[in-house]
Each structure stands twice: as C-alpha cells, then as structure tokens.
C-alpha atoms as a PDB file:
ATOM      1  CA  UNK A   1      11.483  40.096 126.154  1.00  0.00           C
ATOM      2  CA  UNK A   2      13.350  37.114 124.703  1.00  0.00           C
ATOM      3  CA  UNK A   3      14.502  34.412 127.072  1.00  0.00           C
ATOM      4  CA  UNK A   4      18.284  33.944 127.037  1.00  0.00           C
ATOM      5  CA  UNK A   5      19.006  30.230 127.276  1.00  0.00           C
ATOM      6  CA  UNK A   6      22.253  28.256 127.395  1.00  0.00           C
ATOM      7  CA  UNK A   7      22.215  24.522 126.644  1.00  0.00           C
ATOM      8  CA  UNK A   8      25.399  22.560 127.308  1.00  0.00           C
ATOM      9  CA  UNK A   9      26.454  19.727 125.006  1.00  0.00           C
ATOM     10  CA  UNK A  10      24.029  21.079 122.426  1.00  0.00           C
ATOM     11  CA  UNK A  11      25.790  20.522 119.120  1.00  0.00           C
ATOM     12  CA  UNK A  12      24.203  17.070 118.755  1.00  0.00           C
ATOM     13  CA  UNK A  13      21.693  14.612 120.158  1.00  0.00           C
ATOM     14  CA  UNK A  14      19.156  15.582 122.795  1.00  0.00           C
ATOM     15  CA  UNK A  15      20.931  18.852 123.532  1.00  0.00           C
ATOM     16  CA  UNK A  16      20.613  19.968 119.928  1.00  0.00           C
ATOM     17  CA  UNK A  17      16.895  19.142 119.975  1.00  0.00           C
ATOM     18  CA  UNK A  18      16.408  21.061 123.207  1.00  0.00           C
ATOM     19  CA  UNK A  19      18.138  24.034 121.597  1.00  0.00           C
ATOM     20  CA  UNK A  20      16.055  23.735 118.430  1.00  0.00           C
ATOM     21  CA  UNK A  21      12.738  23.459 120.246  1.00  0.00           C
ATOM     22  CA  UNK A  22      13.463  26.363 122.583  1.00  0.00           C
ATOM     23  CA  UNK A  23      14.600  28.506 119.661  1.00  0.00           C
ATOM     24  CA  UNK A  24      11.320  27.691 117.920  1.00  0.00           C
ATOM     25  CA  UNK A  25       9.520  28.983 121.017  1.00  0.00           C
ATOM     26  CA  UNK A  26      11.323  32.306 120.717  1.00  0.00           C
ATOM     27  CA  UNK A  27      14.243  31.795 123.075  1.00  0.00           C
ATOM     28  CA  UNK A  28      17.604  33.284 122.215  1.00  0.00           C
ATOM     29  CA  UNK A  29      19.593  30.066 122.514  1.00  0.00           C
ATOM     30  CA  UNK A  30      23.316  29.738 123.096  1.00  0.00           C
ATOM     31  CA  UNK A  31      24.737  26.344 122.204  1.00  0.00           C
ATOM     32  CA  UNK A  32      27.525  25.252 124.518  1.00  0.00           C
ATOM     33  CA  UNK A  33      30.000  22.873 122.863  1.00  0.00           C
ATOM     34  CA  UNK A  34      33.558  21.777 123.612  1.00  0.00           C
ATOM     35  CA  UNK A  35      34.467  21.989 119.936  1.00  0.00           C
ATOM     36  CA  UNK A  36      34.108  25.533 118.570  1.00  0.00           C
ATOM     37  CA  UNK A  37      33.665  24.396 114.969  1.00  0.00           C
ATOM     38  CA  UNK A  38      30.918  21.898 115.799  1.00  0.00           C
ATOM     39  CA  UNK A  39      29.150  24.397 118.000  1.00  0.00           C
ATOM     40  CA  UNK A  40      29.253  27.091 115.327  1.00  0.00           C
ATOM     41  CA  UNK A  41      28.021  24.632 112.691  1.00  0.00           C
ATOM     42  CA  UNK A  42      25.035  23.605 114.809  1.00  0.00           C
ATOM     43  CA  UNK A  43      24.268  27.225 115.634  1.00  0.00           C
ATOM     44  CA  UNK A  44      24.337  28.196 111.954  1.00  0.00           C
ATOM     45  CA  UNK A  45      21.950  25.363 111.115  1.00  0.00           C
ATOM     46  CA  UNK A  46      19.556  26.213 113.938  1.00  0.00           C
ATOM     47  CA  UNK A  47      19.806  29.988 113.769  1.00  0.00           C
ATOM     48  CA  UNK A  48      21.175  30.255 117.309  1.00  0.00           C
ATOM     49  CA  UNK A  49      24.325  31.499 119.007  1.00  0.00           C
ATOM     50  CA  UNK A  50      27.189  29.361 120.298  1.00  0.00           C
ATOM     51  CA  UNK A  51      29.968  29.470 122.856  1.00  0.00           C
ATOM     52  CA  UNK A  52      32.925  27.200 123.550  1.00  0.00           C
ATOM     53  CA  UNK A  53      32.232  25.354 126.787  1.00  0.00           C
ATOM     54  CA  UNK A  54      34.002  22.335 128.254  1.00  0.00           C
ATOM     55  CA  UNK A  55      31.991  21.545 131.380  1.00  0.00           C
ATOM     56  CA  UNK A  56      34.959  19.773 132.979  1.00  0.00           C
ATOM     57  CA  UNK A  57      37.140  22.891 132.780  1.00  0.00           C
ATOM     58  CA  UNK A  58      36.433  25.705 135.283  1.00  0.00           C
ATOM     59  CA  UNK A  59      38.367  28.191 133.133  1.00  0.00           C
ATOM     60  CA  UNK A  60      36.221  27.290 130.115  1.00  0.00           C
ATOM     61  CA  UNK A  61      33.034  27.710 132.155  1.00  0.00           C
ATOM     62  CA  UNK A  62      34.199  31.082 133.443  1.00  0.00           C
ATOM     63  CA  UNK A  63      35.084  32.225 129.920  1.00  0.00           C
ATOM     64  CA  UNK A  64      31.678  31.093 128.635  1.00  0.00           C
ATOM     65  CA  UNK A  65      29.976  33.049 131.412  1.00  0.00           C
ATOM     66  CA  UNK A  66      31.982  36.138 130.454  1.00  0.00           C
ATOM     67  CA  UNK A  67      30.938  35.713 126.821  1.00  0.00           C
ATOM     68  CA  UNK A  68      27.247  35.366 127.673  1.00  0.00           C
ATOM     69  CA  UNK A  69      27.473  38.409 129.939  1.00  0.00           C
ATOM     70  CA  UNK A  70      29.145  40.488 127.238  1.00  0.00           C
ATOM     71  CA  UNK A  71      26.575  39.503 124.604  1.00  0.00           C
ATOM     72  CA  UNK A  72      23.368  39.450 126.641  1.00  0.00           C
ATOM     73  CA  UNK A  73      23.974  40.741 130.153  1.00  0.00           C
ATOM     74  CA  UNK A  74      21.983  37.981 131.834  1.00  0.00           C
ATOM     75  CA  UNK A  75      20.836  34.366 131.575  1.00  0.00           C
ATOM     76  CA  UNK A  76      17.243  33.200 132.033  1.00  0.00           C
ATOM     77  CA  UNK A  77      17.597  29.446 131.531  1.00  0.00           C
ATOM     78  CA  UNK A  78      20.501  27.046 131.988  1.00  0.00           C
ATOM     79  CA  UNK A  79      20.031  23.514 130.671  1.00  0.00           C
ATOM     80  CA  UNK A  80      22.786  21.230 131.947  1.00  0.00           C
ATOM     81  CA  UNK A  81      22.539  18.611 129.226  1.00  0.00           C
ATOM     82  CA  UNK A  82      26.155  17.564 128.601  1.00  0.00           C
ATOM     83  CA  UNK A  83      26.772  13.989 129.722  1.00  0.00           C
ATOM     84  CA  UNK A  84      28.762  10.879 128.913  1.00  0.00           C
ATOM     85  CA  UNK A  85      28.287   7.152 129.509  1.00  0.00           C
ATOM     86  CA  UNK A  86      32.019   6.463 129.164  1.00  0.00           C
ATOM     87  CA  UNK A  87      35.134   8.485 128.302  1.00  0.00           C
ATOM     88  CA  UNK A  88      35.525   9.413 124.626  1.00  0.00           C
ATOM     89  CA  UNK A  89      37.246   6.775 122.538  1.00  0.00           C
ATOM     90  CA  UNK A  90      36.344   3.862 124.804  1.00  0.00           C
ATOM     91  CA  UNK A  91      33.834   1.080 124.204  1.00  0.00           C
ATOM     92  CA  UNK A  92      30.357   1.136 125.692  1.00  0.00           C
ATOM     93  CA  UNK A  93      30.659  -1.717 128.177  1.00  0.00           C
ATOM     94  CA  UNK A  94      29.030  -2.672 131.435  1.00  0.00           C
ATOM     95  CA  UNK A  95      30.902  -1.372 134.452  1.00  0.00           C
ATOM     96  CA  UNK A  96      31.029  -3.920 137.265  1.00  0.00           C
ATOM     97  CA  UNK A  97      31.997  -2.209 140.532  1.00  0.00           C
ATOM     98  CA  UNK A  98      34.485  -4.939 141.449  1.00  0.00           C
ATOM     99  CA  UNK A  99      36.462  -4.521 138.241  1.00  0.00           C
ATOM    100  CA  UNK A 100      35.734  -0.933 137.215  1.00  0.00           C
ATOM    101  CA  UNK A 101      38.587   1.287 136.128  1.00  0.00           C
ATOM    102  CA  UNK A 102      38.719   4.201 138.553  1.00  0.00           C
ATOM    103  CA  UNK A 103      39.913   6.620 135.891  1.00  0.00           C
ATOM    104  CA  UNK A 104      36.821   5.761 133.845  1.00  0.00           C
ATOM    105  CA  UNK A 105      34.495   6.332 136.799  1.00  0.00           C
ATOM    106  CA  UNK A 106      36.152   9.644 137.626  1.00  0.00           C
ATOM    107  CA  UNK A 107      35.865  10.814 134.014  1.00  0.00           C
ATOM    108  CA  UNK A 108      32.140  10.032 133.976  1.00  0.00           C
ATOM    109  CA  UNK A 109      31.518  11.854 137.243  1.00  0.00           C
ATOM    110  CA  UNK A 110      33.670  14.773 136.103  1.00  0.00           C
ATOM    111  CA  UNK A 111      31.210  15.470 133.286  1.00  0.00           C
ATOM    112  CA  UNK A 112      27.888  14.246 134.658  1.00  0.00           C
ATOM    113  CA  UNK A 113      28.180  15.555 138.214  1.00  0.00           C
ATOM    114  CA  UNK A 114      31.085  17.913 138.810  1.00  0.00           C
ATOM    115  CA  UNK A 115      30.567  19.504 135.394  1.00  0.00           C
ATOM    116  CA  UNK A 116      27.063  20.551 136.434  1.00  0.00           C
ATOM    117  CA  UNK A 117      28.448  22.164 139.586  1.00  0.00           C
ATOM    118  CA  UNK A 118      31.171  23.929 137.609  1.00  0.00           C
ATOM    119  CA  UNK A 119      28.858  25.352 134.957  1.00  0.00           C
ATOM    120  CA  UNK A 120      25.996  26.197 137.307  1.00  0.00           C
ATOM    121  CA  UNK A 121      28.207  28.099 139.726  1.00  0.00           C
ATOM    122  CA  UNK A 122      29.905  29.994 136.908  1.00  0.00           C
ATOM    123  CA  UNK A 123      26.536  31.132 135.525  1.00  0.00           C
ATOM    124  CA  UNK A 124      24.646  31.781 138.753  1.00  0.00           C
ATOM    125  CA  UNK A 125      25.532  35.503 138.793  1.00  0.00           C
ATOM    126  CA  UNK A 126      23.905  35.876 135.362  1.00  0.00           C
ATOM    127  CA  UNK A 127      20.866  33.818 136.376  1.00  0.00           C
ATOM    128  CA  UNK A 128      20.362  36.088 139.370  1.00  0.00           C
ATOM    129  CA  UNK A 129      19.807  38.967 136.927  1.00  0.00           C
ATOM    130  CA  UNK A 130      16.808  37.190 135.368  1.00  0.00           C
ATOM    131  CA  UNK A 131      13.199  37.928 136.265  1.00  0.00           C
ATOM    132  CA  UNK A 132      12.386  34.201 136.101  1.00  0.00           C
ATOM    133  CA  UNK A 133      15.574  32.101 136.305  1.00  0.00           C
ATOM    134  CA  UNK A 134      15.419  28.353 135.714  1.00  0.00           C
ATOM    135  CA  UNK A 135      17.968  25.536 135.796  1.00  0.00           C
ATOM    136  CA  UNK A 136      17.196  22.194 134.158  1.00  0.00           C
ATOM    137  CA  UNK A 137      19.468  19.210 134.754  1.00  0.00           C
ATOM    138  CA  UNK A 138      19.162  16.376 132.230  1.00  0.00           C
ATOM    139  CA  UNK A 139      19.318  13.173 134.249  1.00  0.00           C
ATOM    140  CA  UNK A 140      18.116   9.649 133.388  1.00  0.00           C
ATOM    141  CA  UNK A 141      15.590   7.049 134.446  1.00  0.00           C
ATOM    142  CA  UNK A 142      18.490   4.970 135.766  1.00  0.00           C
ATOM    143  CA  UNK A 143      19.029   7.718 138.354  1.00  0.00           C
ATOM    144  CA  UNK A 144      15.895   6.527 140.132  1.00  0.00           C
ATOM    145  CA  UNK A 145      16.727   4.143 142.971  1.00  0.00           C
ATOM    146  CA  UNK A 146      13.122   2.926 142.862  1.00  0.00           C
ATOM    147  CA  UNK A 147      13.278   2.058 139.183  1.00  0.00           C
ATOM    148  CA  UNK A 148      16.674   0.432 139.602  1.00  0.00           C
ATOM    149  CA  UNK A 149      15.254  -1.817 142.304  1.00  0.00           C
ATOM    150  CA  UNK A 150      12.218  -2.683 140.187  1.00  0.00           C
ATOM    151  CA  UNK A 151      14.168  -3.274 136.959  1.00  0.00           C
ATOM    152  CA  UNK A 152      17.408  -4.696 138.363  1.00  0.00           C
ATOM    153  CA  UNK A 153      17.255  -7.797 136.168  1.00  0.00           C
ATOM    154  CA  UNK A 154      16.824  -5.702 133.014  1.00  0.00           C
ATOM    155  CA  UNK A 155      19.352  -2.926 133.636  1.00  0.00           C
ATOM    156  CA  UNK A 156      23.073  -3.376 132.968  1.00  0.00           C
ATOM    157  CA  UNK A 157      25.426  -3.101 135.909  1.00  0.00           C
ATOM    158  CA  UNK A 158      26.966   0.349 135.801  1.00  0.00           C
ATOM    159  CA  UNK A 159      29.336   1.644 138.464  1.00  0.00           C
ATOM    160  CA  UNK A 160      29.863   4.887 136.549  1.00  0.00           C
ATOM    161  CA  UNK A 161      26.950   6.260 134.542  1.00  0.00           C
ATOM    162  CA  UNK A 162      24.084   5.143 136.786  1.00  0.00           C
ATOM    163  CA  UNK A 163      25.524   6.429 140.097  1.00  0.00           C
ATOM    164  CA  UNK A 164      26.572   9.677 138.411  1.00  0.00           C
ATOM    165  CA  UNK A 165      22.978  10.343 137.380  1.00  0.00           C
ATOM    166  CA  UNK A 166      21.649   9.373 140.814  1.00  0.00           C
ATOM    167  CA  UNK A 167      24.098  11.861 142.292  1.00  0.00           C
ATOM    168  CA  UNK A 168      22.924  14.482 139.797  1.00  0.00           C
ATOM    169  CA  UNK A 169      19.277  14.168 140.813  1.00  0.00           C
ATOM    170  CA  UNK A 170      20.280  14.484 144.456  1.00  0.00           C
ATOM    171  CA  UNK A 171      22.410  17.510 143.602  1.00  0.00           C
ATOM    172  CA  UNK A 172      19.408  19.039 141.830  1.00  0.00           C
ATOM    173  CA  UNK A 173      17.395  18.853 145.025  1.00  0.00           C
ATOM    174  CA  UNK A 174      20.191  20.503 147.008  1.00  0.00           C
ATOM    175  CA  UNK A 175      20.443  23.380 144.526  1.00  0.00           C
ATOM    176  CA  UNK A 176      16.657  23.743 144.581  1.00  0.00           C
ATOM    177  CA  UNK A 177      16.656  24.019 148.364  1.00  0.00           C
ATOM    178  CA  UNK A 178      19.480  26.546 148.406  1.00  0.00           C
ATOM    179  CA  UNK A 179      18.211  28.725 145.561  1.00  0.00           C
ATOM    180  CA  UNK A 180      14.483  28.685 146.329  1.00  0.00           C
ATOM    181  CA  UNK A 181      14.686  31.925 148.383  1.00  0.00           C
ATOM    182  CA  UNK A 182      16.296  33.599 145.343  1.00  0.00           C
ATOM    183  CA  UNK A 183      13.464  32.535 143.045  1.00  0.00           C
ATOM    184  CA  UNK A 184      15.691  30.245 140.964  1.00  0.00           C
ATOM    185  CA  UNK A 185      13.806  27.090 139.973  1.00  0.00           C
ATOM    186  CA  UNK A 186      15.936  23.948 139.689  1.00  0.00           C
ATOM    187  CA  UNK A 187      14.572  20.685 138.315  1.00  0.00           C
ATOM    188  CA  UNK A 188      15.850  17.396 136.913  1.00  0.00           C
ATOM    189  CA  UNK A 189      14.375  15.684 133.853  1.00  0.00           C
ATOM    190  CA  UNK A 190      14.540  12.230 132.320  1.00  0.00           C
ATOM    191  CA  UNK A 191      14.596  12.150 128.491  1.00  0.00           C
ATOM    192  CA  UNK A 192      13.968   8.403 128.249  1.00  0.00           C
ATOM    193  CA  UNK A 193      16.002   5.868 126.296  1.00  0.00           C
ATOM    194  CA  UNK A 194      16.853   7.892 123.204  1.00  0.00           C
ATOM    195  CA  UNK A 195      18.976   6.893 120.228  1.00  0.00           C
ATOM    196  CA  UNK A 196      22.120   9.010 120.675  1.00  0.00           C
ATOM    197  CA  UNK A 197      25.890   8.646 120.766  1.00  0.00           C
ATOM    198  CA  UNK A 198      25.550   8.007 124.501  1.00  0.00           C
ATOM    199  CA  UNK A 199      24.238   4.477 123.835  1.00  0.00           C
ATOM    200  CA  UNK A 200      25.568   3.951 120.298  1.00  0.00           C
ATOM    201  CA  UNK A 201      22.074   4.827 118.999  1.00  0.00           C
ATOM    202  CA  UNK A 202      20.469   1.799 120.628  1.00  0.00           C
ATOM    203  CA  UNK A 203      17.595   3.767 122.171  1.00  0.00           C
ATOM    204  CA  UNK A 204      13.998   3.478 120.975  1.00  0.00           C
ATOM    205  CA  UNK A 205      13.057   7.160 121.415  1.00  0.00           C
ATOM    206  CA  UNK A 206      14.158  10.006 119.188  1.00  0.00           C
ATOM    207  CA  UNK A 207      16.228  12.944 120.477  1.00  0.00           C
ATOM    208  CA  UNK A 208      13.236  15.168 119.689  1.00  0.00           C
ATOM    209  CA  UNK A 209      11.071  13.070 122.012  1.00  0.00           C
ATOM    210  CA  UNK A 210      13.806  13.114 124.627  1.00  0.00           C
ATOM    211  CA  UNK A 211      13.942  16.904 124.571  1.00  0.00           C
ATOM    212  CA  UNK A 212      10.293  17.334 125.555  1.00  0.00           C
ATOM    213  CA  UNK A 213      10.657  17.188 129.335  1.00  0.00           C
ATOM    214  CA  UNK A 214      13.613  19.567 129.372  1.00  0.00           C
ATOM    215  CA  UNK A 215      11.807  22.050 127.132  1.00  0.00           C
ATOM    216  CA  UNK A 216       8.752  21.953 129.364  1.00  0.00           C
ATOM    217  CA  UNK A 217      10.755  22.601 132.529  1.00  0.00           C
ATOM    218  CA  UNK A 218      12.775  25.316 130.792  1.00  0.00           C
ATOM    219  CA  UNK A 219       9.572  27.219 130.085  1.00  0.00           C
ATOM    220  CA  UNK A 220       7.710  26.950 133.393  1.00  0.00           C
ATOM    221  CA  UNK A 221       6.508  30.237 134.916  1.00  0.00           C
ATOM    222  CA  UNK A 222       8.364  31.916 137.760  1.00  0.00           C
ATOM    223  CA  UNK A 223       5.933  30.383 140.281  1.00  0.00           C
ATOM    224  CA  UNK A 224       6.449  26.895 138.828  1.00  0.00           C
ATOM    225  CA  UNK A 225       7.780  23.822 140.621  1.00  0.00           C
ATOM    226  CA  UNK A 226      11.311  23.386 141.923  1.00  0.00           C
ATOM    227  CA  UNK A 227      13.194  20.376 143.263  1.00  0.00           C
ATOM    228  CA  UNK A 228      11.345  17.893 141.039  1.00  0.00           C
ATOM    229  CA  UNK A 229      12.430  14.948 138.875  1.00  0.00           C
ATOM    230  CA  UNK A 230      10.123  14.432 135.881  1.00  0.00           C
ATOM    231  CA  UNK A 231       9.847  12.892 132.433  1.00  0.00           C
ATOM    232  CA  UNK A 232       7.347  13.733 129.707  1.00  0.00           C
ATOM    233  CA  UNK A 233       4.665  11.687 131.475  1.00  0.00           C
ATOM    234  CA  UNK A 234       5.036  13.220 134.920  1.00  0.00           C
ATOM    235  CA  UNK A 235       7.034  12.706 138.130  1.00  0.00           C
ATOM    236  CA  UNK A 236       9.813  10.114 138.210  1.00  0.00           C
ATOM    237  CA  UNK A 237      10.291   8.302 141.541  1.00  0.00           C
ATOM    238  CA  UNK A 238      13.495   9.221 143.329  1.00  0.00           C
END
C-alpha cells in the first residue's frame, strides 16, 4: 500500500527535494504550497499531487485536510518543512534582541512554530487512520542550545529564526510525548546549512543533501524512534 505523504512548503528548496525523494521511494506525495500555481507546477514536474496550504492560516490548513481526506482518506506522513528566516520582501539581516522589530519576530514564529501546530492539529485525524503514522518537523542546527553555546562567536545574533527553531524542537518533544500512546512517531530533523532562499543561497550543502534526514525519518518503521532530533549523521544535541 502506498504511503500518503504531505510536505509543506514543498514547491522549492529542501521541501521540493524531500517530496522528490519520497516520491522516488514510492510515496504518494502531496505538495503543500501557499501559491496554487507554483504548487501545481512543482507537482507536474515531480509527478506528485498538490494542495494549497498556507501554514499560517487555520482555514487554509482545514481546507487542505479536507482535500487530502477526499482524495486519499488518510495521511501516513506529515513533513512540516515550511519555514522562513524573515518575512517575505524583507532583507536577510541579523536580528539583535534589543532592536528587533516585534512584527518581524511574530511573523517568523507564526510560520516556524505556530504554523506547525496549526497544520499538525488539522491533519491529526487523518494521521490517526494510518497504520504507521509519522510526523517530521524540519528544524535547524541553530535550534540546539548546546551548539549555540559552542559556536556563539560564529553564529549571527538572531532573535527570530533561532529561537523559533529552538521552540520547534521543544514542541516536537511535547507532541512525541502526547502522541506516543497513539503510535504516532514525531521527530525533528536538521537539514544542515543548505543553499536555499532561506539564506539567499549562501549555504554550502545542496537541498538534496538537506532532504536526507527528513526522508529517513519519514520512512522509519512503526516501531521506530520518537521524540528525537537528528541530522544525516545522527543525533543532534538539544
């Protein structure tokens, strides 16, 4: 039986590579994208399905869940990939806490943290119909408090993106604890520093490399791990 998989923010970058690699493994992939045209274009190129999904909009998430239910009746894998480093149309700049624009911080958290809650909760009823449900949250190495302490001199100050990803990894653990009795596996992954729109393509890894950890955790067996934070080399310190 094909795995039904939804990947948010999957019309480009790491999300697109996650979708492509899972489709190559035989998953029936649904690309979630805010822009219907871009989502349909990516789906046509990859041979997948698509659905309009703005993770910051509860009505959009509910409508996407209804669409997936009507087409497939269940969901086996949810990959919460959509994320931003700053609001669209703004420059990629360091965000000092003492001078940060609160609207900017809220916009980042709305996508990177609250968006995951919105989408996950909308799709949980469909995941509960799966024989082996999995949720994968795409986080970042900067989410690790240990790594931040070790690399403080090398990392930019970021009052928005970095704390939002730290919050996401913590949220992952809370979902894992809650959903463990239901057999729903919930894990966070770090793609590494990949060249994407998120960092104006400054990263040294490719999106295909960045997709590896998410693909691995999206395909673990039903008795696999839950409540972990990993990259493609193994566990990431919290």
